[in-house]
C-alpha atoms as a PDB file:
ATOM      1  CA  MET A   1       0.048   0.050  -0.151  1.00  0.00           C
ATOM      2  CA  ASP A   2       1.338   3.301  -0.789  1.00  0.00           C
ATOM      3  CA  SER A   3       2.570   5.407   2.511  1.00  0.00           C
ATOM      4  CA  LYS A   4       0.477   8.431   1.552  1.00  0.00           C
ATOM      5  CA  ASN A   5      -2.833   5.842   1.940  1.00  0.00           C
ATOM      6  CA  SER A   6      -2.067   5.138   5.436  1.00  0.00           C
ATOM      7  CA  LEU A   7      -1.988   8.446   6.703  1.00  0.00           C
ATOM      8  CA  LYS A   8      -4.826   8.214   9.729  1.00  0.00           C
ATOM      9  CA  ALA A   9      -5.641  11.137  12.716  1.00  0.00           C
ATOM     10  CA  GLU A  10      -4.434   9.659  16.211  1.00  0.00           C
ATOM     11  CA  SER A  11      -7.445  10.654  18.017  1.00  0.00           C
ATOM     12  CA  ILE A  12     -10.047   9.256  15.453  1.00  0.00           C
ATOM     13  CA  ASP A  13     -10.509   5.571  15.392  1.00  0.00           C
ATOM     14  CA  ARG A  14     -14.260   5.227  13.773  1.00  0.00           C
ATOM     15  CA  VAL A  15     -16.042   7.055  10.608  1.00  0.00           C
ATOM     16  CA  ALA A  16     -19.597   6.299   9.975  1.00  0.00           C
ATOM     17  CA  ILE A  17     -20.525   6.014   5.946  1.00  0.00           C
ATOM     18  CA  PHE A  18     -24.078   7.380   5.201  1.00  0.00           C
ATOM     19  CA  GLY A  19     -25.728   7.350   1.884  1.00  0.00           C
ATOM     20  CA  TYR A  20     -28.378   5.594  -0.608  1.00  0.00           C
ATOM     21  CA  ALA A  21     -29.723   2.299   0.565  1.00  0.00           C
ATOM     22  CA  ASP A  22     -30.974   1.175  -2.911  1.00  0.00           C
ATOM     23  CA  ALA A  23     -27.658   1.530  -4.594  1.00  0.00           C
ATOM     24  CA  LYS A  24     -26.541  -1.016  -6.651  1.00  0.00           C
ATOM     25  CA  GLU A  25     -22.996  -3.122  -7.380  1.00  0.00           C
ATOM     26  CA  GLY A  26     -21.867  -1.939 -10.343  1.00  0.00           C
ATOM     27  CA  GLU A  27     -23.072   1.583  -9.909  1.00  0.00           C
ATOM     28  CA  GLU A  28     -20.641   4.673  -9.936  1.00  0.00           C
ATOM     29  CA  LEU A  29     -22.114   5.335  -6.009  1.00  0.00           C
ATOM     30  CA  PHE A  30     -21.641   1.610  -5.143  1.00  0.00           C
ATOM     31  CA  THR A  31     -18.160   1.437  -6.005  1.00  0.00           C
ATOM     32  CA  SER A  32     -17.138   4.618  -4.790  1.00  0.00           C
ATOM     33  CA  VAL A  33     -17.964   3.884  -1.033  1.00  0.00           C
ATOM     34  CA  VAL A  34     -16.591   0.299  -1.517  1.00  0.00           C
ATOM     35  CA  GLU A  35     -12.848   2.094  -2.552  1.00  0.00           C
ATOM     36  CA  VAL A  36     -13.398   5.001   0.425  1.00  0.00           C
ATOM     37  CA  ALA A  37     -14.254   1.994   3.086  1.00  0.00           C
ATOM     38  CA  LYS A  38     -11.786   0.240   1.825  1.00  0.00           C
ATOM     39  CA  ALA A  39      -9.032   3.011   1.933  1.00  0.00           C
ATOM     40  CA  LEU A  40     -10.312   4.154   5.363  1.00  0.00           C
ATOM     41  CA  ALA A  41      -9.799   0.471   6.324  1.00  0.00           C
ATOM     42  CA  GLN A  42      -6.427   0.598   5.142  1.00  0.00           C
ATOM     43  CA  ALA A  43      -4.945   3.437   7.384  1.00  0.00           C
ATOM     44  CA  GLY A  44      -6.586   1.969  10.355  1.00  0.00           C
ATOM     45  CA  TYR A  45     -10.222   3.250  10.819  1.00  0.00           C
ATOM     46  CA  VAL A  46     -13.314   0.877  12.154  1.00  0.00           C
ATOM     47  CA  VAL A  47     -15.996   1.825   9.718  1.00  0.00           C
ATOM     48  CA  VAL A  48     -19.395   2.352  10.997  1.00  0.00           C
ATOM     49  CA  ASP A  49     -23.019   1.590   9.055  1.00  0.00           C
ATOM     50  CA  GLY A  50     -26.201   0.605   9.134  1.00  0.00           C
ATOM     51  CA  GLY A  51     -25.833  -3.189   8.319  1.00  0.00           C
ATOM     52  CA  GLY A  52     -28.502  -2.402   5.575  1.00  0.00           C
ATOM     53  CA  PRO A  53     -28.405  -2.640   1.736  1.00  0.00           C
ATOM     54  CA  GLY A  54     -26.919  -0.219  -0.693  1.00  0.00           C
ATOM     55  CA  VAL A  55     -24.744   2.643   0.523  1.00  0.00           C
ATOM     56  CA  MET A  56     -24.686   0.133   3.632  1.00  0.00           C
ATOM     57  CA  LEU A  57     -23.190  -2.715   2.100  1.00  0.00           C
ATOM     58  CA  ALA A  58     -20.664  -0.969  -0.147  1.00  0.00           C
ATOM     59  CA  ALA A  59     -19.128   0.871   3.164  1.00  0.00           C
ATOM     60  CA  SER A  60     -18.587  -2.961   4.546  1.00  0.00           C
ATOM     61  CA  ASN A  61     -17.797  -4.591   2.016  1.00  0.00           C
ATOM     62  CA  GLY A  62     -15.076  -2.078   1.182  1.00  0.00           C
ATOM     63  CA  ALA A  63     -13.794  -2.033   4.880  1.00  0.00           C
ATOM     64  CA  LYS A  64     -13.333  -6.126   4.832  1.00  0.00           C
ATOM     65  CA  GLN A  65     -11.305  -5.524   1.240  1.00  0.00           C
ATOM     66  CA  GLY A  66      -9.361  -3.308   3.437  1.00  0.00           C
ATOM     67  CA  GLY A  67      -9.032  -5.973   6.090  1.00  0.00           C
ATOM     68  CA  GLY A  68     -10.344  -3.566   8.458  1.00  0.00           C
ATOM     69  CA  LYS A  69     -13.456  -3.949  10.935  1.00  0.00           C
ATOM     70  CA  VAL A  70     -17.267  -2.774  10.597  1.00  0.00           C
ATOM     71  CA  ILE A  71     -19.691  -1.903  13.552  1.00  0.00           C
ATOM     72  CA  GLY A  72     -23.042  -1.990  12.499  1.00  0.00           C
ATOM     73  CA  VAL A  73     -26.198  -0.413  13.925  1.00  0.00           C
ATOM     74  CA  THR A  74     -29.304  -2.282  12.832  1.00  0.00           C
ATOM     75  CA  PHE A  75     -33.222  -1.351  13.486  1.00  0.00           C
ATOM     76  CA  TYR A  76     -35.493  -4.602  12.565  1.00  0.00           C
ATOM     77  CA  PRO A  77     -39.083  -2.842  11.115  1.00  0.00           C
ATOM     78  CA  LYS A  78     -41.883  -3.886  12.246  1.00  0.00           C
ATOM     79  CA  ASP A  79     -44.499  -1.290  11.042  1.00  0.00           C
ATOM     80  CA  ALA A  80     -41.934   0.569   8.880  1.00  0.00           C
ATOM     81  CA  LEU A  81     -42.666  -0.738   5.379  1.00  0.00           C
ATOM     82  CA  ASN A  82     -40.483   1.075   3.244  1.00  0.00           C
ATOM     83  CA  PHE A  83     -37.358   0.690   5.731  1.00  0.00           C
ATOM     84  CA  GLU A  84     -35.028  -1.354   4.539  1.00  0.00           C
ATOM     85  CA  GLY A  85     -34.046  -2.948   7.933  1.00  0.00           C
ATOM     86  CA  ARG A  86     -30.691  -5.621   8.230  1.00  0.00           C
ATOM     87  CA  ASP A  87     -29.345  -6.997   5.025  1.00  0.00           C
ATOM     88  CA  PRO A  88     -27.815 -10.683   5.312  1.00  0.00           C
ATOM     89  CA  LYS A  89     -24.921  -9.685   3.312  1.00  0.00           C
ATOM     90  CA  ASN A  90     -23.687  -6.666   4.700  1.00  0.00           C
ATOM     91  CA  GLU A  91     -20.923  -8.808   6.993  1.00  0.00           C
ATOM     92  CA  ILE A  92     -20.358  -6.736  10.332  1.00  0.00           C
ATOM     93  CA  ASP A  93     -17.856  -7.709  13.175  1.00  0.00           C
ATOM     94  CA  GLU A  94     -20.247  -5.812  15.749  1.00  0.00           C
ATOM     95  CA  GLU A  95     -23.887  -5.492  16.033  1.00  0.00           C
ATOM     96  CA  VAL A  96     -25.470  -2.623  17.718  1.00  0.00           C
ATOM     97  CA  ILE A  97     -29.370  -3.755  18.234  1.00  0.00           C
ATOM     98  CA  THR A  98     -31.662  -0.678  17.749  1.00  0.00           C
ATOM     99  CA  HIS A  99     -36.049  -0.362  18.473  1.00  0.00           C
ATOM    100  CA  SER A 100     -36.643   2.609  16.114  1.00  0.00           C
ATOM    101  CA  TYR A 101     -35.410   4.627  13.162  1.00  0.00           C
ATOM    102  CA  VAL A 102     -34.764   7.792  15.041  1.00  0.00           C
ATOM    103  CA  GLU A 103     -32.606   5.768  17.966  1.00  0.00           C
ATOM    104  CA  ARG A 104     -30.172   3.935  14.975  1.00  0.00           C
ATOM    105  CA  THR A 105     -29.664   7.452  13.818  1.00  0.00           C
ATOM    106  CA  LEU A 106     -28.387   8.358  17.155  1.00  0.00           C
ATOM    107  CA  ARG A 107     -26.156   4.921  17.708  1.00  0.00           C
ATOM    108  CA  LEU A 108     -24.605   5.986  14.423  1.00  0.00           C
ATOM    109  CA  LEU A 109     -24.163   9.503  14.954  1.00  0.00           C
ATOM    110  CA  GLU A 110     -22.766   8.232  18.663  1.00  0.00           C
ATOM    111  CA  ARG A 111     -20.630   5.511  17.311  1.00  0.00           C
ATOM    112  CA  GLY A 112     -19.042   7.575  14.533  1.00  0.00           C
ATOM    113  CA  GLN A 113     -15.870  10.240  15.151  1.00  0.00           C
ATOM    114  CA  THR A 114     -16.589  12.260  12.057  1.00  0.00           C
ATOM    115  CA  PHE A 115     -18.781  11.325   9.194  1.00  0.00           C
ATOM    116  CA  VAL A 116     -18.809  10.581   5.264  1.00  0.00           C
ATOM    117  CA  ILE A 117     -22.277  11.546   3.745  1.00  0.00           C
ATOM    118  CA  PHE A 118     -22.699  10.246   0.284  1.00  0.00           C
ATOM    119  CA  ASN A 119     -25.615  10.418  -2.456  1.00  0.00           C
ATOM    120  CA  GLY A 120     -28.489   9.425  -0.807  1.00  0.00           C
ATOM    121  CA  GLY A 121     -32.475  10.045  -0.665  1.00  0.00           C
ATOM    122  CA  THR A 122     -34.495  11.381   2.200  1.00  0.00           C
ATOM    123  CA  GLY A 123     -32.930   8.559   4.876  1.00  0.00           C
ATOM    124  CA  THR A 124     -29.693  10.401   4.155  1.00  0.00           C
ATOM    125  CA  ILE A 125     -30.605  13.714   4.034  1.00  0.00           C
ATOM    126  CA  SER A 126     -32.113  13.394   7.743  1.00  0.00           C
ATOM    127  CA  GLU A 127     -29.323  11.917   8.466  1.00  0.00           C
ATOM    128  CA  PHE A 128     -27.056  14.578   7.302  1.00  0.00           C
ATOM    129  CA  GLY A 129     -29.339  17.468   8.689  1.00  0.00           C
ATOM    130  CA  MET A 130     -29.269  15.506  12.117  1.00  0.00           C
ATOM    131  CA  ALA A 131     -24.994  15.330  11.843  1.00  0.00           C
ATOM    132  CA  TRP A 132     -25.083  18.856  10.963  1.00  0.00           C
ATOM    133  CA  GLY A 133     -27.585  20.333  13.537  1.00  0.00           C
ATOM    134  CA  LEU A 134     -25.500  18.691  15.905  1.00  0.00           C
ATOM    135  CA  ALA A 135     -21.976  20.066  14.573  1.00  0.00           C
ATOM    136  CA  ARG A 136     -23.531  23.415  15.483  1.00  0.00           C
ATOM    137  CA  LEU A 137     -25.186  22.552  18.457  1.00  0.00           C
ATOM    138  CA  TYR A 138     -21.456  21.571  19.616  1.00  0.00           C
ATOM    139  CA  PHE A 139     -19.914  23.688  17.929  1.00  0.00           C
ATOM    140  CA  GLY A 140     -15.985  23.465  19.373  1.00  0.00           C
ATOM    141  CA  HIS A 141     -16.137  20.128  20.210  1.00  0.00           C
ATOM    142  CA  HIS A 142     -18.123  18.368  17.504  1.00  0.00           C
ATOM    143  CA  LYS A 143     -17.712  15.661  15.297  1.00  0.00           C
ATOM    144  CA  PRO A 144     -16.735  16.991  11.593  1.00  0.00           C
ATOM    145  CA  LEU A 145     -18.793  15.878   8.554  1.00  0.00           C
ATOM    146  CA  ILE A 146     -16.945  14.833   4.787  1.00  0.00           C
ATOM    147  CA  LEU A 147     -19.705  15.951   2.015  1.00  0.00           C
ATOM    148  CA  TYR A 148     -18.527  13.271  -0.494  1.00  0.00           C
ATOM    149  CA  GLY A 149     -19.525  13.882  -4.476  1.00  0.00           C
ATOM    150  CA  LYS A 150     -19.502  16.939  -6.948  1.00  0.00           C
ATOM    151  CA  PHE A 151     -22.680  17.860  -6.366  1.00  0.00           C
ATOM    152  CA  TRP A 152     -22.795  18.641  -2.827  1.00  0.00           C
ATOM    153  CA  PRO A 153     -21.216  22.504  -3.495  1.00  0.00           C
ATOM    154  CA  GLU A 154     -24.224  23.114  -5.069  1.00  0.00           C
ATOM    155  CA  ILE A 155     -26.111  21.895  -2.330  1.00  0.00           C
ATOM    156  CA  ILE A 156     -24.714  23.852  -0.130  1.00  0.00           C
ATOM    157  CA  GLU A 157     -24.688  27.215  -1.944  1.00  0.00           C
ATOM    158  CA  THR A 158     -28.492  26.646  -2.316  1.00  0.00           C
ATOM    159  CA  PHE A 159     -29.187  26.374   1.711  1.00  0.00           C
ATOM    160  CA  LYS A 160     -27.109  29.282   2.016  1.00  0.00           C
ATOM    161  CA  LYS A 161     -28.770  31.561  -0.426  1.00  0.00           C
ATOM    162  CA  ASN A 162     -32.575  30.407   1.061  1.00  0.00           C
ATOM    163  CA  MET A 163     -32.005  29.335   4.711  1.00  0.00           C
ATOM    164  CA  LYS A 164     -30.288  30.783   7.953  1.00  0.00           C
ATOM    165  CA  ILE A 165     -27.006  29.377   8.039  1.00  0.00           C
ATOM    166  CA  ARG A 166     -24.630  30.987  10.312  1.00  0.00           C
ATOM    167  CA  GLU A 167     -21.013  31.471   9.744  1.00  0.00           C
ATOM    168  CA  GLU A 168     -20.302  28.103  12.305  1.00  0.00           C
ATOM    169  CA  GLU A 169     -22.252  25.818  10.454  1.00  0.00           C
ATOM    170  CA  MET A 170     -19.645  26.590   7.102  1.00  0.00           C
ATOM    171  CA  ARG A 171     -16.772  24.927   9.176  1.00  0.00           C
ATOM    172  CA  VAL A 172     -18.047  21.833  10.267  1.00  0.00           C
ATOM    173  CA  PHE A 173     -17.768  20.073   7.351  1.00  0.00           C
ATOM    174  CA  LYS A 174     -15.249  19.443   4.186  1.00  0.00           C
ATOM    175  CA  TYR A 175     -15.635  18.157   0.238  1.00  0.00           C
ATOM    176  CA  ALA A 176     -14.044  15.237  -1.109  1.00  0.00           C
ATOM    177  CA  ASN A 177     -14.221  13.088  -4.298  1.00  0.00           C
ATOM    178  CA  SER A 178     -11.553  10.519  -3.884  1.00  0.00           C
ATOM    179  CA  PRO A 179     -10.306   8.326  -1.293  1.00  0.00           C
ATOM    180  CA  GLN A 180      -7.406  10.104  -0.618  1.00  0.00           C
ATOM    181  CA  GLU A 181      -9.017  13.305   0.193  1.00  0.00           C
ATOM    182  CA  VAL A 182     -11.248  11.585   2.929  1.00  0.00           C
ATOM    183  CA  LEU A 183      -8.176  10.898   4.301  1.00  0.00           C
ATOM    184  CA  ASN A 184      -6.517  13.950   4.043  1.00  0.00           C
ATOM    185  CA  ALA A 185     -10.005  15.748   5.202  1.00  0.00           C
ATOM    186  CA  ILE A 186      -9.706  13.851   8.705  1.00  0.00           C
ATOM    187  CA  VAL A 187      -6.470  14.472   9.581  1.00  0.00           C
ATOM    188  CA  GLU A 188      -6.858  17.872   8.380  1.00  0.00           C
ATOM    189  CA  PHE A 189      -9.735  18.022  10.945  1.00  0.00           C
ATOM    190  CA  GLU A 190      -7.595  16.917  13.478  1.00  0.00           C
ATOM    191  CA  ARG A 191      -4.461  19.262  12.663  1.00  0.00           C
ATOM    192  CA  GLU A 192      -6.770  22.182  13.034  1.00  0.00           C
ATOM    193  CA  ILE A 193      -8.245  21.152  16.641  1.00  0.00           C
ATOM    194  CA  LYS A 194      -4.529  21.003  17.704  1.00  0.00           C
ATOM    195  CA  GLN A 195      -3.370  24.338  16.217  1.00  0.00           C
ATOM    196  CA  GLY A 196      -6.370  25.738  17.830  1.00  0.00           C
ATOM    197  CA  ILE A 197      -7.754  27.175  14.060  1.00  0.00           C
ATOM    198  CA  HIS A 198     -11.470  26.199  15.926  1.00  0.00           C
ATOM    199  CA  LYS A 199     -11.694  28.249  18.559  1.00  0.00           C
ATOM    200  CA  HIS A 200     -12.303  26.055  21.844  1.00  0.00           C
ATOM    201  CA  ILE A 201     -12.759  22.599  20.107  1.00  0.00           C
ATOM    202  CA  ARG A 202     -10.736  19.964  22.044  1.00  0.00           C
ATOM    203  CA  ILE A 203      -9.944  16.186  21.807  1.00  0.00           C
ATOM    204  CA  VAL A 204     -11.640  14.129  24.275  1.00  0.00           C
ATOM    205  CA  GLY A 205     -12.328  10.304  24.583  1.00  0.00           C
ATOM    206  CA  ASP A 206     -16.268   9.725  24.067  1.00  0.00           C
ATOM    207  CA  VAL A 207     -17.074   6.701  26.723  1.00  0.00           C
ATOM    208  CA  GLU A 208     -19.123   3.801  25.917  1.00  0.00           C
ATOM    209  CA  GLY A 209     -23.145   4.297  26.184  1.00  0.00           C
ATOM    210  CA  GLU A 210     -22.562   7.726  26.692  1.00  0.00           C
ATOM    211  CA  SER A 211     -24.721  10.431  24.408  1.00  0.00           C
ATOM    212  CA  SER A 212     -21.584  12.403  23.847  1.00  0.00           C
ATOM    213  CA  PHE A 213     -21.202  14.354  20.522  1.00  0.00           C
ATOM    214  CA  THR A 214     -17.472  15.243  21.651  1.00  0.00           C
ATOM    215  CA  LEU A 215     -14.473  13.645  19.660  1.00  0.00           C
END
């Protein structure tokens, strides 16, 4: 493996991946997620996903190809007929079972220490919105976001133009269009924290079972 691909932040170990549950193998989105998750695993990160199909399956596949570990946060729906649920093809090492969609989202946000958000539907939008909102609320000791794909700047500009977006809300994410850019972004976030570029940001360890949204 190229030495530059082994780049890893010291204080971040788990990366949660979000995206379209209906992505299919062979599609560009699915392939991109596999490549990113593989690079993350090769660099030493644990991949966190929802244990389902599509982007979640691609994330687990990539992590396994990279020799890494996968944490799957699952929800087995009874009445949510349009929720994809657990995919038996999704190979995970640790399963965190939740009892509702909201709980599942919160557990994904708790387990991940930074988030990579790919293209997706309303589920991905809700996860992105929650992650972005929490980053603003906890700004200074928040979990950073990486927005993957060339479509993201246009979406963010539309938000800026039409919504009441605060200045600090634009400082909690970076854009990426390749696996290497994802790795670079995570390390850059950590470097900014250590250098104090983001005032009051501090690096702390999260405790199992606590609802902490710090790094």
